Amino acid sequence: MNVTPAISLAIPLADPAAASTPKAGAAQAARPALVGLSKPELIETMAGLGEKPFRAKQIWHWMYHQGAKSFAEMTDLSKDFRAKLEDHFTVGRPDVAREQTSTDGTRKWLMNFSDGQKAETVFIPDDDRGAVCISSQVGCTLTCRFCHTGTQRLVRNLTSAEIVGQFMVARDSYGEWPTPNDQRRLLSNIVMMGMGEPLYNFDNVAKALKIIMADDGIALGKRRITLSTSGVVPEIRRCGAELGVNLAISLHAPDDDTRSAIMPINKKYPVKELIQACRDYPGLNNARRITFEYVMLKGMNDTAQHAKALVKLISGIPSKFNLIPFNPWPGSLYECSDPATVRAFSDILNNAGYTATVRTPRGRDILAACGQLRTDSERLSAKEQRLRDEQERKIAEAAWQEKEAAI
């Protein structure tokens, strides 16, 4: 989607030996990973080796319950079978190119995939629990004006293995293997709010989340998973039917003119269609509400009139608001609304009966806050970057002029 500068605290890689053996890593990349396969696919894969289905169950347990990184760790498998697996496959984990921890405890990983592409993953702690913010694409196909990821071209979709692997790496970092029970989990939730639009990579995202939700492995329930979308209306319905996870909508404006100026996807799926898809989302009630995310942009979407229009727009939908102070990034075109403006905006929503929480920015010092994720997978020349910056400035200026003219 989605949308995080002072001190970056670099932490050594968990497995420095692996990082220092590029030849082994290159050979490993030539073998397919087992992480990311569905249960039927894993059974079929084992059948291709002449093995019975129970072998798939054993491997599944080792990968997703015990967190095994190698076949050598799977000690109840025979040495010959482990050698056979090693000859044909890898378990599969993204490499960690960089790990940083913020002064507020937020941790960010730059994941390096087998083809050299990269994406970022963030853990946001909250007392004795927290959420892992997972990416679904390298770059993003959308160009939301306030989002740093939106300045990076879409390189490719992430595979189911790469999506699951992000959560597994986070667990590696915090030592949460074997799978703990719900009462002891620090990494208690997942939010699909990292780089990319998850509903434009639905098949891989759905496959990965089903693996994560399986009760004989990682076993994270659907009520602990939130998928955030910028408003891909047809796939919202599919998400509700096939996954039933919590839904978050990157709304950011109550009307088409304002929303189209900052979120071009609104021209394809305007506000009316998006809100109807929200009304139709299955399983909504006061205990299970849609979250409307709303980044506070000074002078753009933060007036009392905007807040009142929001109340009218979502009337009747079990919902809550997550108000996000805009997190600046190098070259960003907007400013964050003043604290008093944010409070007044929140008060209007609260007084109308909606929970409107003002999100505390986390991980700003390592560019890990909402809207700040971006990687160096796409390397632009200095000339290309200047041209892009100039184009973005013109787009922003045009949006402001349109808005002023409308007023």
Protein backbone atom coordinates (compact mmCIF):
# COMPACT_ATOMS: atom_id res chain seq x y z
CA MET A 1 0.00 0.00 0.00
CA ASN A 2 0.98 1.31 1.58
CA VAL A 3 2.62 3.98 3.72
CA THR A 4 7.97 4.70 7.19
CA PRO A 5 14.50 9.44 9.40
CA ALA A 6 17.21 10.08 12.30
CA ILE A 7 19.20 7.06 13.47
CA SER A 8 19.27 3.61 11.87
CA LEU A 9 20.41 0.88 14.24
CA ALA A 10 21.81 -1.98 12.17
CA ILE A 11 21.61 -5.44 13.75
CA PRO A 12 23.84 -8.33 12.60
CA LEU A 13 22.19 -10.98 10.48
CA ALA A 14 20.85 -13.93 12.45
CA ASP A 15 22.93 -16.33 10.34
CA PRO A 16 26.19 -14.59 9.35
CA ALA A 17 27.60 -17.83 7.95
CA ALA A 18 24.79 -18.02 5.41
CA ALA A 19 25.36 -14.40 4.45
CA SER A 20 29.03 -15.07 3.80
CA THR A 21 28.55 -18.04 1.47
CA PRO A 22 27.10 -16.64 -1.78
CA LYS A 23 28.06 -19.71 -3.81
CA ALA A 24 25.98 -21.97 -1.60
CA GLY A 25 23.10 -19.48 -1.75
CA ALA A 26 23.27 -19.37 -5.54
CA ALA A 27 23.12 -23.15 -5.75
CA GLN A 28 20.25 -23.18 -3.28
CA ALA A 29 18.28 -20.74 -5.38
CA ALA A 30 18.30 -23.22 -8.30
CA ARG A 31 16.27 -25.71 -6.24
CA PRO A 32 12.58 -24.99 -5.61
CA ALA A 33 11.45 -24.14 -2.09
CA LEU A 34 8.92 -26.20 -0.18
CA VAL A 35 7.75 -23.23 1.87
CA GLY A 36 4.81 -21.72 0.01
CA LEU A 37 3.36 -25.00 -1.28
CA SER A 38 -0.18 -25.82 -0.24
CA LYS A 39 -0.79 -29.13 1.53
CA PRO A 40 -2.06 -30.86 -1.65
CA GLU A 41 0.94 -29.53 -3.57
CA LEU A 42 3.34 -30.77 -0.90
CA ILE A 43 1.71 -34.22 -0.97
CA GLU A 44 1.99 -34.28 -4.77
CA THR A 45 5.62 -33.17 -4.57
CA MET A 46 6.47 -35.98 -2.17
CA ALA A 47 4.66 -38.44 -4.42
CA GLY A 48 6.97 -37.33 -7.20
CA LEU A 49 9.85 -38.56 -5.06
CA GLY A 50 8.10 -41.88 -4.49
CA GLU A 51 7.13 -40.96 -0.93
CA LYS A 52 3.81 -41.47 0.85
CA PRO A 53 1.49 -38.61 1.97
CA PHE A 54 2.54 -38.83 5.62
CA ARG A 55 5.96 -37.49 4.58
CA ALA A 56 4.29 -34.24 3.56
CA LYS A 57 2.65 -34.04 6.97
CA GLN A 58 6.02 -34.49 8.68
CA ILE A 59 7.69 -31.81 6.57
CA TRP A 60 4.75 -29.42 7.05
CA HIS A 61 5.08 -29.80 10.82
CA TRP A 62 8.81 -29.15 10.74
CA MET A 63 8.49 -26.06 8.52
CA TYR A 64 5.46 -24.35 10.02
CA HIS A 65 5.32 -25.57 13.63
CA GLN A 66 8.98 -26.08 14.47
CA GLY A 67 10.33 -23.41 12.12
CA ALA A 68 13.06 -25.61 10.65
CA LYS A 69 15.36 -23.75 8.28
CA SER A 70 17.05 -26.85 6.88
CA PHE A 71 16.29 -30.49 6.24
CA ALA A 72 19.10 -31.43 8.64
CA GLU A 73 16.92 -30.13 11.49
CA MET A 74 14.12 -32.57 10.63
CA THR A 75 15.50 -35.25 12.92
CA ASP A 76 12.65 -37.76 12.73
CA LEU A 77 13.28 -38.18 9.00
CA SER A 78 15.86 -40.74 7.93
CA LYS A 79 19.27 -39.51 6.81
CA ASP A 80 18.69 -40.92 3.34
CA PHE A 81 15.37 -39.11 2.98
CA ARG A 82 16.88 -35.85 4.23
CA ALA A 83 19.66 -36.25 1.68
CA LYS A 84 17.09 -36.83 -1.06
CA LEU A 85 15.22 -33.69 -0.04
CA GLU A 86 18.45 -31.71 0.02
CA ASP A 87 19.25 -32.85 -3.52
CA HIS A 88 15.93 -31.64 -4.91
CA PHE A 89 14.63 -28.77 -2.75
CA THR A 90 15.30 -26.06 -0.21
CA VAL A 91 13.12 -25.36 2.80
CA GLY A 92 12.92 -21.74 1.66
CA ARG A 93 13.43 -18.43 3.46
CA PRO A 94 14.15 -14.96 2.13
CA ASP A 95 17.65 -13.76 2.98
CA VAL A 96 17.81 -10.75 5.28
CA ALA A 97 19.79 -8.02 3.54
CA ARG A 98 19.35 -5.60 6.44
CA GLU A 99 17.65 -5.64 9.83
CA GLN A 100 17.02 -2.41 11.75
CA THR A 101 15.39 -1.68 15.08
CA SER A 102 13.88 1.71 15.87
CA THR A 103 14.31 3.53 19.14
CA ASP A 104 10.62 2.74 19.81
CA GLY A 105 11.12 -1.02 19.31
CA THR A 106 9.77 -1.26 15.77
CA ARG A 107 11.86 -3.65 13.71
CA LYS A 108 12.27 -3.64 9.92
CA TRP A 109 13.78 -6.24 7.61
CA LEU A 110 14.88 -5.75 4.03
CA MET A 111 14.16 -9.13 2.46
CA ASN A 112 16.35 -10.27 -0.40
CA PHE A 113 14.72 -12.82 -2.71
CA SER A 114 16.38 -15.39 -4.94
CA ASP A 115 16.24 -13.20 -8.06
CA GLY A 116 17.85 -10.25 -6.28
CA GLN A 117 14.61 -8.29 -5.81
CA LYS A 118 13.81 -6.87 -2.39
CA ALA A 119 10.86 -5.93 -0.21
CA GLU A 120 10.45 -4.63 3.33
CA THR A 121 8.67 -6.19 6.31
CA VAL A 122 7.99 -4.45 9.64
CA PHE A 123 7.11 -5.65 13.14
CA ILE A 124 5.16 -3.11 15.21
CA PRO A 125 5.21 -4.03 18.91
CA ASP A 126 2.43 -3.15 21.33
CA ASP A 127 3.10 -4.07 24.97
CA ASP A 128 3.29 -7.88 25.04
CA ARG A 129 2.03 -8.43 21.48
CA GLY A 130 2.31 -6.88 18.05
CA ALA A 131 1.65 -7.02 14.32
CA VAL A 132 3.88 -8.02 11.43
CA CYS A 133 3.30 -5.77 8.41
CA ILE A 134 3.87 -7.90 5.30
CA SER A 135 4.49 -6.84 1.70
CA SER A 136 2.73 -8.39 -1.28
CA GLN A 137 4.64 -6.84 -4.19
CA VAL A 138 8.07 -5.45 -5.03
CA GLY A 139 7.12 -1.85 -5.61
CA CYS A 140 3.51 -0.96 -6.28
CA THR A 141 1.26 -0.63 -9.28
CA LEU A 142 -0.59 2.26 -7.62
CA THR A 143 0.62 5.84 -7.39
CA CYS A 144 -0.98 7.21 -4.25
CA ARG A 145 0.50 10.69 -3.90
CA PHE A 146 1.20 10.49 -0.16
CA CYS A 147 2.86 7.06 -0.18
CA HIS A 148 6.60 6.49 -0.57
CA THR A 149 6.05 3.00 -1.98
CA GLY A 150 3.96 4.58 -4.72
CA THR A 151 7.05 6.35 -6.05
CA GLN A 152 8.56 2.96 -6.87
CA ARG A 153 7.44 1.19 -10.01
CA LEU A 154 5.89 -2.23 -9.73
CA VAL A 155 8.66 -4.75 -10.33
CA ARG A 156 6.71 -7.96 -9.73
CA ASN A 157 4.28 -9.78 -7.49
CA LEU A 158 5.66 -11.73 -4.57
CA THR A 159 5.10 -15.48 -4.55
CA SER A 160 3.23 -17.32 -1.81
CA ALA A 161 6.60 -18.59 -0.55
CA GLU A 162 7.98 -15.05 -0.33
CA ILE A 163 4.88 -13.81 1.51
CA VAL A 164 4.85 -16.66 4.04
CA GLY A 165 8.63 -16.38 4.32
CA GLN A 166 8.42 -12.80 5.58
CA PHE A 167 6.43 -13.89 8.62
CA MET A 168 8.76 -16.84 9.20
CA VAL A 169 11.80 -14.55 9.15
CA ALA A 170 10.11 -12.29 11.71
CA ARG A 171 9.53 -15.33 13.93
CA ASP A 172 13.16 -16.34 13.47
CA SER A 173 14.23 -12.91 14.67
CA TYR A 174 12.11 -13.11 17.84
CA GLY A 175 12.65 -16.82 18.54
CA GLU A 176 8.97 -17.71 18.29
CA TRP A 177 9.44 -21.34 17.24
CA PRO A 178 7.94 -23.81 17.82
CA THR A 179 4.55 -22.20 17.30
CA PRO A 180 3.49 -20.73 20.67
CA ASN A 181 -0.08 -20.72 21.86
CA ASP A 182 -2.13 -17.54 21.46
CA GLN A 183 -1.51 -16.46 25.04
CA ARG A 184 2.26 -16.30 24.57
CA ARG A 185 2.64 -14.87 21.10
CA LEU A 186 4.55 -11.64 20.70
CA LEU A 187 3.99 -11.74 16.92
CA SER A 188 0.24 -12.03 17.45
CA ASN A 189 -1.19 -10.44 14.30
CA ILE A 190 -0.52 -9.93 10.61
CA VAL A 191 -1.43 -6.87 8.59
CA MET A 192 -1.15 -7.02 4.81
CA MET A 193 -0.22 -3.36 4.69
CA GLY A 194 3.35 -3.43 3.43
CA MET A 195 4.62 -2.71 -0.05
CA GLY A 196 2.14 -3.27 -2.86
CA GLU A 197 -1.60 -3.72 -3.29
CA PRO A 198 -2.42 -7.21 -1.98
CA LEU A 199 -5.62 -7.54 -4.00
CA TYR A 200 -3.65 -7.10 -7.23
CA ASN A 201 -1.76 -10.25 -6.18
CA PHE A 202 -4.76 -12.05 -4.77
CA ASP A 203 -3.92 -15.65 -5.69
CA ASN A 204 -0.49 -15.61 -4.05
CA VAL A 205 -1.71 -13.63 -1.04
CA ALA A 206 -4.67 -15.97 -0.51
CA LYS A 207 -2.49 -19.06 -0.80
CA ALA A 208 0.03 -17.66 1.68
CA LEU A 209 -2.63 -16.64 4.21
CA LYS A 210 -4.29 -20.06 4.04
CA ILE A 211 -0.92 -21.64 4.86
CA ILE A 212 -0.47 -19.23 7.77
CA MET A 213 -4.00 -19.93 9.05
CA ALA A 214 -3.70 -23.73 8.89
CA ASP A 215 -4.21 -25.04 12.42
CA ASP A 216 -1.43 -27.64 12.27
CA GLY A 217 1.32 -25.15 11.53
CA ILE A 218 1.67 -21.42 12.15
CA ALA A 219 -2.01 -21.47 13.14
CA LEU A 220 -2.77 -17.76 13.12
CA GLY A 221 -6.56 -17.36 13.01
CA LYS A 222 -8.32 -15.23 10.42
CA ARG A 223 -9.48 -12.80 13.11
CA ARG A 224 -5.79 -11.97 13.71
CA ILE A 225 -5.15 -11.12 10.05
CA THR A 226 -6.09 -7.81 8.42
CA LEU A 227 -5.83 -7.18 4.70
CA SER A 228 -5.60 -3.57 3.61
CA THR A 229 -6.62 -2.47 0.14
CA SER A 230 -6.73 0.82 -1.68
CA GLY A 231 -10.07 -0.22 -3.14
CA VAL A 232 -9.91 -3.02 -5.73
CA VAL A 233 -13.65 -3.54 -5.62
CA PRO A 234 -14.06 -6.91 -7.41
CA GLU A 235 -11.34 -8.55 -5.30
CA ILE A 236 -12.80 -7.20 -2.05
CA ARG A 237 -15.81 -9.43 -2.65
CA ARG A 238 -13.55 -12.36 -3.47
CA CYS A 239 -11.49 -11.75 -0.33
CA GLY A 240 -14.60 -11.88 1.82
CA ALA A 241 -15.84 -15.07 0.20
CA GLU A 242 -12.55 -17.00 0.16
CA LEU A 243 -10.58 -15.73 3.15
CA GLY A 244 -12.89 -13.94 5.57
CA VAL A 245 -10.02 -12.03 7.14
CA ASN A 246 -10.45 -8.56 8.61
CA LEU A 247 -10.72 -5.80 6.04
CA ALA A 248 -9.06 -2.38 6.10
CA ILE A 249 -9.78 0.24 3.46
CA SER A 250 -7.30 2.97 2.57
CA LEU A 251 -10.00 5.60 2.17
CA HIS A 252 -8.29 8.93 2.85
CA ALA A 253 -11.11 11.08 1.45
CA PRO A 254 -14.94 11.06 1.51
CA ASP A 255 -15.52 12.35 -2.02
CA ASP A 256 -14.39 11.45 -5.52
CA ASP A 257 -12.69 14.76 -6.34
CA THR A 258 -10.38 14.71 -3.32
CA ARG A 259 -9.76 10.97 -3.39
CA SER A 260 -8.97 10.90 -7.12
CA ALA A 261 -6.46 13.72 -6.64
CA ILE A 262 -4.45 11.71 -4.10
CA MET A 263 -5.41 8.13 -5.10
CA PRO A 264 -5.72 7.61 -8.87
CA ILE A 265 -7.32 4.17 -8.34
CA ASN A 266 -10.48 6.06 -7.37
CA LYS A 267 -11.02 6.91 -11.04
CA LYS A 268 -11.49 3.20 -11.74
CA TYR A 269 -13.36 2.30 -8.54
CA PRO A 270 -15.05 5.46 -7.25
CA VAL A 271 -16.15 6.01 -3.68
CA LYS A 272 -19.75 4.86 -4.18
CA GLU A 273 -18.68 1.47 -5.56
CA LEU A 274 -16.05 1.03 -2.88
CA ILE A 275 -18.43 1.75 -0.03
CA GLN A 276 -21.01 -0.64 -1.46
CA ALA A 277 -18.38 -3.41 -1.53
CA CYS A 278 -17.74 -2.64 2.13
CA ARG A 279 -21.44 -2.90 2.95
CA ASP A 280 -21.51 -6.29 1.24
CA TYR A 281 -18.46 -7.69 3.05
CA PRO A 282 -19.54 -10.85 4.91
CA GLY A 283 -19.48 -11.27 8.67
CA LEU A 284 -19.55 -7.63 9.71
CA ASN A 285 -20.92 -6.75 13.13
CA ASN A 286 -20.02 -4.51 16.05
CA ALA A 287 -17.37 -7.01 17.16
CA ARG A 288 -15.89 -7.34 13.67
CA ARG A 289 -15.72 -4.00 11.94
CA ILE A 290 -14.11 -2.64 8.81
CA THR A 291 -11.21 -0.29 9.51
CA PHE A 292 -11.12 2.86 7.41
CA GLU A 293 -7.59 4.17 7.20
CA TYR A 294 -7.30 7.91 6.77
CA VAL A 295 -3.98 9.71 6.37
CA MET A 296 -4.17 13.28 7.61
CA LEU A 297 -2.92 15.69 4.92
CA LYS A 298 -2.75 19.36 5.86
CA GLY A 299 -5.28 21.42 3.92
CA MET A 300 -6.21 18.53 1.65
CA ASN A 301 -8.60 16.18 3.46
CA ASP A 302 -8.65 17.30 7.10
CA THR A 303 -11.47 19.82 7.52
CA ALA A 304 -14.60 19.49 9.64
CA GLN A 305 -16.57 19.24 6.40
CA HIS A 306 -14.51 16.19 5.39
CA ALA A 307 -15.15 14.54 8.76
CA LYS A 308 -18.91 15.15 8.56
CA ALA A 309 -18.97 13.81 4.99
CA LEU A 310 -17.23 10.64 6.24
CA VAL A 311 -19.89 10.10 8.89
CA LYS A 312 -22.60 10.35 6.28
CA LEU A 313 -20.73 8.16 3.80
CA ILE A 314 -20.22 5.12 6.01
CA SER A 315 -23.51 5.30 7.91
CA GLY A 316 -24.76 1.83 8.76
CA ILE A 317 -21.43 0.03 8.20
CA PRO A 318 -19.90 -1.55 11.34
CA SER A 319 -16.62 0.31 11.19
CA LYS A 320 -13.90 2.25 12.93
CA PHE A 321 -11.34 4.81 11.83
CA ASN A 322 -7.59 4.74 11.99
CA LEU A 323 -6.38 8.32 11.60
CA ILE A 324 -2.78 8.34 10.41
CA PRO A 325 -0.60 11.44 10.84
CA PHE A 326 1.21 11.80 7.52
CA ASN A 327 4.71 10.38 7.75
CA PRO A 328 7.12 12.46 5.66
CA TRP A 329 9.71 10.89 3.39
CA PRO A 330 12.45 12.40 1.23
CA GLY A 331 10.76 14.37 -1.57
CA SER A 332 7.23 14.05 -0.19
CA LEU A 333 4.81 16.72 -1.35
CA TYR A 334 2.49 16.98 1.63
CA GLU A 335 2.56 18.06 5.25
CA CYS A 336 0.89 16.43 8.22
CA SER A 337 -2.21 18.09 9.60
CA ASP A 338 -1.67 20.08 12.78
CA PRO A 339 -2.29 18.14 16.02
CA ALA A 340 -5.27 20.36 16.89
CA THR A 341 -6.80 19.69 13.49
CA VAL A 342 -6.36 15.95 13.91
CA ARG A 343 -7.98 16.07 17.37
CA ALA A 344 -10.93 18.09 16.08
CA PHE A 345 -11.35 15.66 13.17
CA SER A 346 -11.26 12.71 15.55
CA ASP A 347 -13.77 14.34 17.89
CA ILE A 348 -16.33 14.70 15.10
CA LEU A 349 -16.08 11.00 14.27
CA ASN A 350 -16.13 9.93 17.93
CA ASN A 351 -19.15 12.12 18.67
CA ALA A 352 -20.96 10.44 15.77
CA GLY A 353 -20.49 7.08 17.49
CA TYR A 354 -17.41 5.79 15.69
CA THR A 355 -14.10 4.84 17.23
CA ALA A 356 -11.49 7.11 15.65
CA THR A 357 -8.03 6.27 16.93
CA VAL A 358 -5.12 8.52 16.07
CA ARG A 359 -2.26 6.19 15.23
CA THR A 360 1.00 6.86 17.03
CA PRO A 361 3.71 6.96 14.35
CA ARG A 362 6.17 4.09 14.82
CA GLY A 363 9.59 3.49 13.34
CA ARG A 364 10.00 6.88 11.70
CA ASP A 365 13.73 6.91 12.45
CA ILE A 366 14.23 3.82 10.24
CA LEU A 367 11.60 4.75 7.60
CA ALA A 368 9.33 1.98 8.84
CA ALA A 369 6.17 3.98 9.50
CA CYS A 370 3.00 3.82 7.45
CA GLY A 371 3.64 5.02 3.90
CA GLN A 372 7.43 5.11 4.18
CA LEU A 373 8.34 1.65 2.86
CA ARG A 374 10.43 1.58 -0.28
CA THR A 375 13.36 -0.51 -1.51
CA ASP A 376 16.27 0.02 -3.83
CA SER A 377 15.14 -2.84 -6.10
CA GLU A 378 14.45 -0.26 -8.78
CA ARG A 379 17.56 1.79 -9.47
CA LEU A 380 16.85 4.96 -11.42
CA SER A 381 19.49 7.13 -13.03
CA ALA A 382 19.88 10.62 -11.62
CA LYS A 383 18.18 12.02 -14.72
CA GLU A 384 15.25 9.60 -14.39
CA GLN A 385 14.83 10.49 -10.73
CA ARG A 386 14.87 14.24 -11.50
CA LEU A 387 12.24 13.74 -14.20
CA ARG A 388 10.07 11.68 -11.85
CA ASP A 389 10.37 14.24 -9.04
CA GLU A 390 9.40 17.02 -11.43
CA GLN A 391 6.43 15.01 -12.72
CA GLU A 392 5.24 14.33 -9.17
CA ARG A 393 5.50 18.02 -8.27
CA LYS A 394 3.40 18.94 -11.32
CA ILE A 395 0.79 16.33 -10.44
CA ALA A 396 0.56 17.61 -6.88
CA GLU A 397 0.33 21.23 -8.00
CA ALA A 398 -2.42 20.37 -10.49
CA ALA A 399 -4.36 18.55 -7.76
CA TRP A 400 -4.15 21.57 -5.47
CA GLN A 401 -5.26 23.91 -8.27
CA GLU A 402 -8.25 21.69 -9.06
CA LYS A 403 -9.23 21.60 -5.42
CA GLU A 404 -8.89 25.36 -4.97
CA ALA A 405 -10.94 25.95 -8.12
CA ALA A 406 -13.67 23.63 -6.80
CA ILE A 407 -13.75 25.53 -3.51
